[in-house]
N, C-alpha and C. Protein backbone atom coordinates (compact mmCIF):
# COMPACT_ATOMS: atom_id res chain seq x y z
N MET A 1 -16.21 11.24 16.72
CA MET A 1 -17.01 12.40 17.06
C MET A 1 -16.58 13.02 18.39
N GLU A 2 -15.75 12.33 19.12
CA GLU A 2 -15.26 12.87 20.39
C GLU A 2 -14.48 14.16 20.17
N VAL A 3 -13.73 14.22 19.08
CA VAL A 3 -12.96 15.43 18.78
C VAL A 3 -13.90 16.61 18.55
N LEU A 4 -15.01 16.39 17.87
CA LEU A 4 -15.97 17.47 17.63
C LEU A 4 -16.53 17.99 18.95
N HIS A 5 -16.81 17.09 19.86
CA HIS A 5 -17.33 17.50 21.17
C HIS A 5 -16.28 18.34 21.92
N ARG A 6 -15.03 17.88 21.90
CA ARG A 6 -13.97 18.63 22.60
C ARG A 6 -13.78 20.01 21.98
N ILE A 7 -13.81 20.10 20.68
CA ILE A 7 -13.63 21.40 20.02
C ILE A 7 -14.79 22.32 20.35
N ARG A 8 -16.00 21.79 20.41
CA ARG A 8 -17.15 22.61 20.79
C ARG A 8 -16.96 23.15 22.21
N GLN A 9 -16.50 22.31 23.11
CA GLN A 9 -16.30 22.73 24.49
C GLN A 9 -15.19 23.78 24.59
N ILE A 10 -14.13 23.61 23.82
CA ILE A 10 -13.03 24.58 23.81
C ILE A 10 -13.54 25.93 23.31
N ARG A 11 -14.35 25.91 22.28
CA ARG A 11 -14.91 27.16 21.74
C ARG A 11 -15.77 27.84 22.79
N LEU A 12 -16.65 27.10 23.43
CA LEU A 12 -17.55 27.67 24.43
C LEU A 12 -16.78 28.20 25.64
N ALA A 13 -15.64 27.62 25.94
CA ALA A 13 -14.83 28.05 27.08
C ALA A 13 -14.19 29.41 26.84
N GLN A 14 -14.31 29.96 25.64
CA GLN A 14 -13.72 31.26 25.34
C GLN A 14 -14.55 32.42 25.90
N GLY A 15 -15.72 32.10 26.43
CA GLY A 15 -16.56 33.14 27.04
C GLY A 15 -16.98 34.19 26.03
N GLU A 16 -16.69 35.46 26.32
CA GLU A 16 -17.10 36.56 25.44
C GLU A 16 -16.39 36.52 24.09
N GLU A 17 -15.31 35.77 24.00
CA GLU A 17 -14.58 35.65 22.73
C GLU A 17 -15.15 34.53 21.84
N THR A 18 -16.13 33.79 22.33
CA THR A 18 -16.69 32.66 21.59
C THR A 18 -17.10 33.03 20.16
N PRO A 19 -17.77 34.17 19.92
CA PRO A 19 -18.16 34.47 18.54
C PRO A 19 -16.98 34.64 17.56
N ARG A 20 -15.80 34.87 18.08
CA ARG A 20 -14.62 35.03 17.22
C ARG A 20 -14.10 33.69 16.70
N VAL A 21 -14.56 32.59 17.29
CA VAL A 21 -14.06 31.27 16.93
C VAL A 21 -15.11 30.55 16.10
N GLN A 22 -14.74 30.20 14.89
CA GLN A 22 -15.64 29.44 14.02
C GLN A 22 -15.06 28.05 13.83
N ARG A 23 -15.96 27.09 13.60
CA ARG A 23 -15.54 25.71 13.42
C ARG A 23 -15.96 25.21 12.04
N LEU A 24 -15.07 24.44 11.42
CA LEU A 24 -15.34 23.81 10.14
C LEU A 24 -14.90 22.37 10.23
N PHE A 25 -15.81 21.47 9.91
CA PHE A 25 -15.51 20.04 9.89
C PHE A 25 -15.43 19.61 8.44
N VAL A 26 -14.28 19.07 8.05
CA VAL A 26 -14.06 18.66 6.66
C VAL A 26 -14.17 17.15 6.58
N LEU A 27 -15.07 16.71 5.72
CA LEU A 27 -15.32 15.28 5.53
C LEU A 27 -14.79 14.82 4.19
N ALA A 28 -14.24 13.63 4.18
CA ALA A 28 -13.78 13.04 2.93
C ALA A 28 -14.74 11.95 2.47
N SER A 29 -15.92 11.92 3.05
CA SER A 29 -16.89 10.87 2.78
C SER A 29 -17.89 11.32 1.71
N PRO A 30 -18.18 10.44 0.77
CA PRO A 30 -19.20 10.78 -0.22
C PRO A 30 -20.62 10.59 0.31
N ASP A 31 -20.77 10.12 1.54
CA ASP A 31 -22.09 9.86 2.13
C ASP A 31 -22.83 11.19 2.30
N ALA A 32 -23.90 11.36 1.55
CA ALA A 32 -24.64 12.63 1.56
C ALA A 32 -25.38 12.88 2.86
N MET A 33 -25.68 11.84 3.62
CA MET A 33 -26.42 12.00 4.87
C MET A 33 -25.53 12.46 6.02
N LEU A 34 -24.26 12.16 5.97
CA LEU A 34 -23.36 12.45 7.08
C LEU A 34 -23.22 13.94 7.38
N PRO A 35 -23.03 14.82 6.39
CA PRO A 35 -22.93 16.24 6.72
C PRO A 35 -24.16 16.79 7.46
N SER A 36 -25.35 16.39 7.05
CA SER A 36 -26.54 16.90 7.72
C SER A 36 -26.66 16.32 9.13
N ALA A 37 -26.26 15.08 9.33
CA ALA A 37 -26.30 14.48 10.66
C ALA A 37 -25.31 15.16 11.59
N VAL A 38 -24.13 15.49 11.10
CA VAL A 38 -23.12 16.18 11.91
C VAL A 38 -23.60 17.58 12.24
N SER A 39 -24.14 18.28 11.26
CA SER A 39 -24.64 19.65 11.49
C SER A 39 -25.77 19.65 12.51
N GLU A 40 -26.61 18.65 12.46
CA GLU A 40 -27.73 18.55 13.40
C GLU A 40 -27.23 18.28 14.82
N ALA A 41 -26.22 17.42 14.93
CA ALA A 41 -25.68 17.06 16.24
C ALA A 41 -24.85 18.18 16.85
N TYR A 42 -24.25 19.01 16.00
CA TYR A 42 -23.37 20.10 16.46
C TYR A 42 -23.80 21.41 15.82
N PRO A 43 -24.83 22.05 16.36
CA PRO A 43 -25.31 23.32 15.79
C PRO A 43 -24.19 24.36 15.73
N GLY A 44 -24.17 25.11 14.65
CA GLY A 44 -23.16 26.15 14.48
C GLY A 44 -21.88 25.65 13.85
N LEU A 45 -21.77 24.35 13.66
CA LEU A 45 -20.59 23.76 13.02
C LEU A 45 -20.81 23.77 11.52
N ASP A 46 -19.87 24.35 10.79
CA ASP A 46 -19.92 24.29 9.34
C ASP A 46 -19.31 22.97 8.89
N VAL A 47 -19.93 22.35 7.89
CA VAL A 47 -19.45 21.06 7.39
C VAL A 47 -19.17 21.19 5.91
N ALA A 48 -18.00 20.71 5.48
CA ALA A 48 -17.63 20.72 4.07
C ALA A 48 -17.22 19.31 3.67
N VAL A 49 -17.60 18.91 2.48
CA VAL A 49 -17.21 17.61 1.95
C VAL A 49 -16.14 17.83 0.89
N VAL A 50 -15.03 17.14 1.06
CA VAL A 50 -13.91 17.27 0.12
C VAL A 50 -14.19 16.38 -1.09
N THR A 51 -14.07 16.98 -2.25
CA THR A 51 -14.21 16.24 -3.49
C THR A 51 -12.82 16.02 -4.09
N ASP A 52 -12.77 15.26 -5.15
CA ASP A 52 -11.47 15.05 -5.81
C ASP A 52 -10.88 16.38 -6.26
N ALA A 53 -11.73 17.31 -6.69
CA ALA A 53 -11.25 18.60 -7.16
C ALA A 53 -10.67 19.46 -6.04
N THR A 54 -11.28 19.42 -4.85
CA THR A 54 -10.82 20.27 -3.75
C THR A 54 -9.77 19.60 -2.88
N HIS A 55 -9.62 18.30 -3.02
CA HIS A 55 -8.64 17.58 -2.19
C HIS A 55 -7.23 18.11 -2.43
N GLY A 56 -6.88 18.35 -3.68
CA GLY A 56 -5.54 18.86 -4.00
C GLY A 56 -5.30 20.24 -3.42
N GLU A 57 -6.34 21.08 -3.42
CA GLU A 57 -6.21 22.42 -2.84
C GLU A 57 -5.93 22.33 -1.34
N LEU A 58 -6.62 21.43 -0.65
CA LEU A 58 -6.38 21.26 0.79
C LEU A 58 -4.97 20.75 1.05
N LEU A 59 -4.51 19.83 0.23
CA LEU A 59 -3.16 19.33 0.40
C LEU A 59 -2.15 20.46 0.27
N ASP A 60 -2.35 21.33 -0.70
CA ASP A 60 -1.43 22.45 -0.90
C ASP A 60 -1.41 23.39 0.29
N LEU A 61 -2.56 23.60 0.91
CA LEU A 61 -2.65 24.56 2.01
C LEU A 61 -2.26 23.99 3.37
N PHE A 62 -2.61 22.75 3.63
CA PHE A 62 -2.52 22.24 5.00
C PHE A 62 -1.70 20.97 5.18
N VAL A 63 -0.93 20.57 4.20
CA VAL A 63 -0.09 19.40 4.41
C VAL A 63 1.03 19.78 5.38
N VAL A 64 1.17 19.01 6.44
CA VAL A 64 2.22 19.22 7.43
C VAL A 64 2.92 17.88 7.65
N ASP A 65 4.21 17.87 7.56
CA ASP A 65 5.00 16.65 7.74
C ASP A 65 4.60 15.57 6.73
N GLY A 66 4.15 15.98 5.56
CA GLY A 66 3.77 15.03 4.53
C GLY A 66 2.50 14.25 4.80
N VAL A 67 1.70 14.70 5.78
CA VAL A 67 0.47 14.00 6.16
C VAL A 67 -0.73 14.65 5.48
N ASP A 68 -1.55 13.83 4.85
CA ASP A 68 -2.76 14.30 4.18
C ASP A 68 -3.71 14.90 5.21
N PRO A 69 -4.09 16.18 5.05
CA PRO A 69 -4.96 16.82 6.05
C PRO A 69 -6.36 16.22 6.13
N VAL A 70 -6.83 15.62 5.07
CA VAL A 70 -8.18 15.07 5.06
C VAL A 70 -8.26 13.78 5.88
N SER A 71 -7.26 12.93 5.76
CA SER A 71 -7.31 11.64 6.44
C SER A 71 -6.60 11.65 7.79
N SER A 72 -6.02 12.77 8.19
CA SER A 72 -5.20 12.79 9.41
C SER A 72 -6.01 12.89 10.70
N ASP A 73 -7.25 13.36 10.63
CA ASP A 73 -8.08 13.60 11.81
C ASP A 73 -7.49 14.67 12.71
N ARG A 74 -6.60 15.48 12.18
CA ARG A 74 -6.01 16.56 12.95
C ARG A 74 -6.99 17.71 13.10
N VAL A 75 -6.74 18.52 14.11
CA VAL A 75 -7.48 19.77 14.30
C VAL A 75 -6.53 20.88 13.87
N TYR A 76 -6.98 21.69 12.92
CA TYR A 76 -6.17 22.79 12.42
C TYR A 76 -6.73 24.11 12.93
N MET A 77 -5.84 24.98 13.36
CA MET A 77 -6.24 26.31 13.79
C MET A 77 -5.78 27.28 12.69
N ILE A 78 -6.75 27.98 12.12
CA ILE A 78 -6.50 28.84 10.97
C ILE A 78 -7.00 30.23 11.31
N ASP A 79 -6.20 31.25 10.98
CA ASP A 79 -6.64 32.62 11.27
C ASP A 79 -7.64 33.09 10.22
N PRO A 80 -8.28 34.24 10.44
CA PRO A 80 -9.30 34.72 9.50
C PRO A 80 -8.78 35.01 8.09
N LEU A 81 -7.47 35.12 7.94
CA LEU A 81 -6.89 35.35 6.62
C LEU A 81 -6.56 34.05 5.90
N GLY A 82 -6.82 32.91 6.56
CA GLY A 82 -6.57 31.61 5.95
C GLY A 82 -5.20 31.05 6.21
N ASN A 83 -4.44 31.64 7.13
CA ASN A 83 -3.10 31.15 7.45
C ASN A 83 -3.19 30.03 8.49
N LEU A 84 -2.47 28.96 8.23
CA LEU A 84 -2.41 27.86 9.18
C LEU A 84 -1.56 28.32 10.36
N MET A 85 -2.16 28.37 11.54
CA MET A 85 -1.45 28.83 12.73
C MET A 85 -0.85 27.66 13.50
N MET A 86 -1.66 26.63 13.75
CA MET A 86 -1.23 25.47 14.52
C MET A 86 -2.07 24.27 14.10
N TYR A 87 -1.59 23.11 14.49
CA TYR A 87 -2.41 21.92 14.30
C TYR A 87 -2.23 21.03 15.51
N TYR A 88 -3.21 20.18 15.74
CA TYR A 88 -3.22 19.29 16.89
C TYR A 88 -3.62 17.90 16.45
N GLU A 89 -3.00 16.92 17.06
CA GLU A 89 -3.38 15.53 16.82
C GLU A 89 -4.66 15.25 17.60
N PRO A 90 -5.47 14.28 17.16
CA PRO A 90 -6.72 13.98 17.86
C PRO A 90 -6.52 13.58 19.32
N THR A 91 -5.34 13.12 19.66
CA THR A 91 -5.07 12.67 21.03
C THR A 91 -4.51 13.78 21.92
N ASP A 92 -4.26 14.97 21.37
CA ASP A 92 -3.71 16.07 22.17
C ASP A 92 -4.71 16.51 23.23
N GLU A 93 -4.18 16.98 24.33
CA GLU A 93 -5.00 17.42 25.46
C GLU A 93 -5.79 18.69 25.12
N PRO A 94 -7.08 18.71 25.39
CA PRO A 94 -7.89 19.90 25.11
C PRO A 94 -7.41 21.14 25.87
N ASN A 95 -6.85 20.97 27.08
CA ASN A 95 -6.39 22.13 27.83
C ASN A 95 -5.25 22.86 27.11
N GLY A 96 -4.41 22.14 26.41
CA GLY A 96 -3.35 22.76 25.63
C GLY A 96 -3.90 23.57 24.48
N ILE A 97 -4.90 23.03 23.80
CA ILE A 97 -5.55 23.75 22.71
C ILE A 97 -6.24 24.99 23.25
N LEU A 98 -6.90 24.85 24.38
CA LEU A 98 -7.59 25.97 25.02
C LEU A 98 -6.62 27.10 25.35
N ARG A 99 -5.48 26.78 25.95
CA ARG A 99 -4.48 27.80 26.28
C ARG A 99 -3.95 28.50 25.03
N ASP A 100 -3.65 27.71 24.00
CA ASP A 100 -3.14 28.30 22.75
C ASP A 100 -4.16 29.23 22.12
N LEU A 101 -5.40 28.80 22.10
CA LEU A 101 -6.46 29.61 21.49
C LEU A 101 -6.66 30.91 22.25
N ARG A 102 -6.65 30.84 23.56
CA ARG A 102 -6.78 32.06 24.37
C ARG A 102 -5.66 33.05 24.07
N LYS A 103 -4.43 32.55 23.95
CA LYS A 103 -3.30 33.42 23.62
C LYS A 103 -3.46 34.04 22.24
N LEU A 104 -3.84 33.23 21.27
CA LEU A 104 -4.02 33.75 19.91
C LEU A 104 -5.11 34.82 19.86
N LEU A 105 -6.22 34.59 20.53
CA LEU A 105 -7.29 35.58 20.54
C LEU A 105 -6.87 36.85 21.25
N LYS A 106 -6.08 36.72 22.28
CA LYS A 106 -5.62 37.90 23.02
C LYS A 106 -4.70 38.75 22.15
N TRP A 107 -3.80 38.11 21.42
CA TRP A 107 -2.81 38.84 20.64
C TRP A 107 -3.28 39.23 19.25
N SER A 108 -4.34 38.61 18.77
CA SER A 108 -4.80 38.85 17.40
C SER A 108 -5.47 40.20 17.26
N GLN A 109 -5.15 40.87 16.17
CA GLN A 109 -5.78 42.13 15.82
C GLN A 109 -6.85 41.95 14.76
N ILE A 110 -7.01 40.71 14.29
CA ILE A 110 -8.01 40.43 13.27
C ILE A 110 -8.99 39.40 13.80
N GLY A 111 -10.16 39.35 13.20
CA GLY A 111 -11.14 38.33 13.57
C GLY A 111 -11.82 38.63 14.80
């Protein structure tokens, strides 16, 4: 859950650009209670549970270096058109993500 906290802080650090940044947490757990607990702990965070049917679709869209996006714990940055822009490992420094996001928001004409 530390990654969720860091991503929330990175989003809030965008200041007036904060509404342009949306967050989605993708779970591979069948536990029905977990999505509501995560949503309660992190207001404004959208939570999706990957099923067997949608797992293949995610693999097609977000597999990088042959790593399964659901089990990787990576943070993916996706533009409003659904294009994968960047990804980060859970151990990457939040300041690097913050700088990248600021640049993307500055240069983006969409979203």
